[in-house]
Amino acid sequence: MAKKTVENWDPDTRTVELHEVDPAVDHPAHYNRGIEAIEIIESWNLNFAMGNVIKYVLRAPYKGTQIQDLEKARIYISREIERLKRDESR
């Protein structure tokens, strides 16, 4: 797969930098099944923990580490539950 050119806006210098990105880095096969996890996370405005839950669950069947990824998701779910409980007790 050929590299693609992407733009990076630098607000400090107010310039656009162009550079090539390897698709294996920017969009690995386990990232994209029609819609990327980051698109869901951003459109739902999810926090860090919930974003990681979505990321690990969506990618788990495609990376070859399904149990490990689901265990990672479980850790982030637990962290979010604990955060919500702390917030409720305030």
C-alpha atoms as a PDB file:
ATOM      1  CA  MET A   1       0.000   0.000   0.000  1.00  0.00           C
ATOM      2  CA  ALA A   2       1.404   3.399  -0.962  1.00  0.00           C
ATOM      3  CA  LYS A   3       2.142   6.125   1.524  1.00  0.00           C
ATOM      4  CA  LYS A   4      -0.294   9.007   1.619  1.00  0.00           C
ATOM      5  CA  THR A   5       0.361  12.685   2.150  1.00  0.00           C
ATOM      6  CA  VAL A   6      -1.266  14.288   5.185  1.00  0.00           C
ATOM      7  CA  GLU A   7      -1.428  17.871   6.345  1.00  0.00           C
ATOM      8  CA  ASN A   8      -0.546  19.072   9.828  1.00  0.00           C
ATOM      9  CA  TRP A   9      -1.603  22.569  10.829  1.00  0.00           C
ATOM     10  CA  ASP A  10       0.871  24.292  13.146  1.00  0.00           C
ATOM     11  CA  PRO A  11      -1.033  26.998  15.044  1.00  0.00           C
ATOM     12  CA  ASP A  12       2.193  28.527  16.388  1.00  0.00           C
ATOM     13  CA  THR A  13       3.710  29.212  12.982  1.00  0.00           C
ATOM     14  CA  ARG A  14       0.331  29.338  11.232  1.00  0.00           C
ATOM     15  CA  THR A  15       1.634  27.023   8.523  1.00  0.00           C
ATOM     16  CA  VAL A  16       0.633  23.696   7.053  1.00  0.00           C
ATOM     17  CA  GLU A  17       3.252  20.975   6.943  1.00  0.00           C
ATOM     18  CA  LEU A  18       2.899  18.113   4.483  1.00  0.00           C
ATOM     19  CA  HIS A  19       4.398  14.726   5.194  1.00  0.00           C
ATOM     20  CA  GLU A  20       3.971  11.145   4.072  1.00  0.00           C
ATOM     21  CA  VAL A  21       2.428   8.557   6.373  1.00  0.00           C
ATOM     22  CA  ASP A  22       2.646   4.816   5.994  1.00  0.00           C
ATOM     23  CA  PRO A  23      -0.903   3.356   5.923  1.00  0.00           C
ATOM     24  CA  ALA A  24       0.234   0.548   8.242  1.00  0.00           C
ATOM     25  CA  VAL A  25       0.782   3.256  10.860  1.00  0.00           C
ATOM     26  CA  ASP A  26      -2.113   5.589  10.063  1.00  0.00           C
ATOM     27  CA  HIS A  27      -4.832   3.039   9.246  1.00  0.00           C
ATOM     28  CA  PRO A  28      -3.861  -0.558  10.080  1.00  0.00           C
ATOM     29  CA  ALA A  29      -6.323  -3.215   8.934  1.00  0.00           C
ATOM     30  CA  HIS A  30      -7.648  -3.759  12.482  1.00  0.00           C
ATOM     31  CA  TYR A  31      -8.549  -0.034  12.715  1.00  0.00           C
ATOM     32  CA  ASN A  32     -11.046   0.143   9.908  1.00  0.00           C
ATOM     33  CA  ARG A  33     -14.152  -1.972   9.449  1.00  0.00           C
ATOM     34  CA  GLY A  34     -16.206   0.708   7.703  1.00  0.00           C
ATOM     35  CA  ILE A  35     -15.900   3.248  10.510  1.00  0.00           C
ATOM     36  CA  GLU A  36     -12.895   3.788  12.753  1.00  0.00           C
ATOM     37  CA  ALA A  37     -13.107   3.637  16.527  1.00  0.00           C
ATOM     38  CA  ILE A  38     -11.817   7.202  16.786  1.00  0.00           C
ATOM     39  CA  GLU A  39     -14.745   8.452  14.681  1.00  0.00           C
ATOM     40  CA  ILE A  40     -17.210   6.875  17.118  1.00  0.00           C
ATOM     41  CA  ILE A  41     -15.303   8.169  20.140  1.00  0.00           C
ATOM     42  CA  GLU A  42     -15.176  11.715  18.786  1.00  0.00           C
ATOM     43  CA  SER A  43     -18.780  11.787  17.550  1.00  0.00           C
ATOM     44  CA  TRP A  44     -20.053  10.643  20.962  1.00  0.00           C
ATOM     45  CA  ASN A  45     -17.574  12.918  22.792  1.00  0.00           C
ATOM     46  CA  LEU A  46     -16.437  10.045  25.016  1.00  0.00           C
ATOM     47  CA  ASN A  47     -13.901  10.503  27.789  1.00  0.00           C
ATOM     48  CA  PHE A  48     -10.553   8.695  27.821  1.00  0.00           C
ATOM     49  CA  ALA A  49     -11.738   5.584  29.668  1.00  0.00           C
ATOM     50  CA  MET A  50     -14.888   5.073  27.620  1.00  0.00           C
ATOM     51  CA  GLY A  51     -13.002   5.793  24.408  1.00  0.00           C
ATOM     52  CA  ASN A  52     -10.546   3.030  25.257  1.00  0.00           C
ATOM     53  CA  VAL A  53     -13.414   0.630  25.992  1.00  0.00           C
ATOM     54  CA  ILE A  54     -14.834   1.259  22.520  1.00  0.00           C
ATOM     55  CA  LYS A  55     -11.400   1.002  20.897  1.00  0.00           C
ATOM     56  CA  TYR A  56     -10.471  -2.300  22.520  1.00  0.00           C
ATOM     57  CA  VAL A  57     -13.876  -3.920  21.999  1.00  0.00           C
ATOM     58  CA  LEU A  58     -14.136  -2.929  18.338  1.00  0.00           C
ATOM     59  CA  ARG A  59     -10.621  -4.017  17.430  1.00  0.00           C
ATOM     60  CA  ALA A  60     -10.424  -7.175  19.569  1.00  0.00           C
ATOM     61  CA  PRO A  61     -11.625  -9.701  16.968  1.00  0.00           C
ATOM     62  CA  TYR A  62      -9.216  -8.402  14.317  1.00  0.00           C
ATOM     63  CA  LYS A  63      -5.855  -8.115  16.089  1.00  0.00           C
ATOM     64  CA  GLY A  64      -5.308 -11.701  17.159  1.00  0.00           C
ATOM     65  CA  THR A  65      -5.324 -10.748  20.843  1.00  0.00           C
ATOM     66  CA  GLN A  66      -9.060 -10.861  21.526  1.00  0.00           C
ATOM     67  CA  ILE A  67      -8.964 -11.976  25.169  1.00  0.00           C
ATOM     68  CA  GLN A  68      -6.195  -9.533  26.025  1.00  0.00           C
ATOM     69  CA  ASP A  69      -8.057  -6.638  24.373  1.00  0.00           C
ATOM     70  CA  LEU A  70     -11.308  -7.510  26.147  1.00  0.00           C
ATOM     71  CA  GLU A  71      -9.443  -7.653  29.457  1.00  0.00           C
ATOM     72  CA  LYS A  72      -8.049  -4.185  28.715  1.00  0.00           C
ATOM     73  CA  ALA A  73     -11.596  -2.968  27.991  1.00  0.00           C
ATOM     74  CA  ARG A  74     -12.740  -4.439  31.314  1.00  0.00           C
ATOM     75  CA  ILE A  75     -10.045  -2.459  33.152  1.00  0.00           C
ATOM     76  CA  TYR A  76     -11.277   0.781  31.603  1.00  0.00           C
ATOM     77  CA  ILE A  77     -14.918  -0.078  32.343  1.00  0.00           C
ATOM     78  CA  SER A  78     -13.980  -0.669  35.988  1.00  0.00           C
ATOM     79  CA  ARG A  79     -12.108   2.631  36.134  1.00  0.00           C
ATOM     80  CA  GLU A  80     -15.112   4.475  34.703  1.00  0.00           C
ATOM     81  CA  ILE A  81     -17.519   2.816  37.146  1.00  0.00           C
ATOM     82  CA  GLU A  82     -15.279   3.815  40.057  1.00  0.00           C
ATOM     83  CA  ARG A  83     -15.053   7.381  38.758  1.00  0.00           C
ATOM     84  CA  LEU A  84     -18.836   7.614  38.468  1.00  0.00           C
ATOM     85  CA  LYS A  85     -19.294   6.234  41.994  1.00  0.00           C
ATOM     86  CA  ARG A  86     -16.833   8.834  43.360  1.00  0.00           C
ATOM     87  CA  ASP A  87     -18.666  11.601  41.504  1.00  0.00           C
ATOM     88  CA  GLU A  88     -22.053  10.439  42.883  1.00  0.00           C
ATOM     89  CA  SER A  89     -20.766  10.471  46.451  1.00  0.00           C
ATOM     90  CA  ARG A  90     -19.717  14.119  46.293  1.00  0.00           C
END
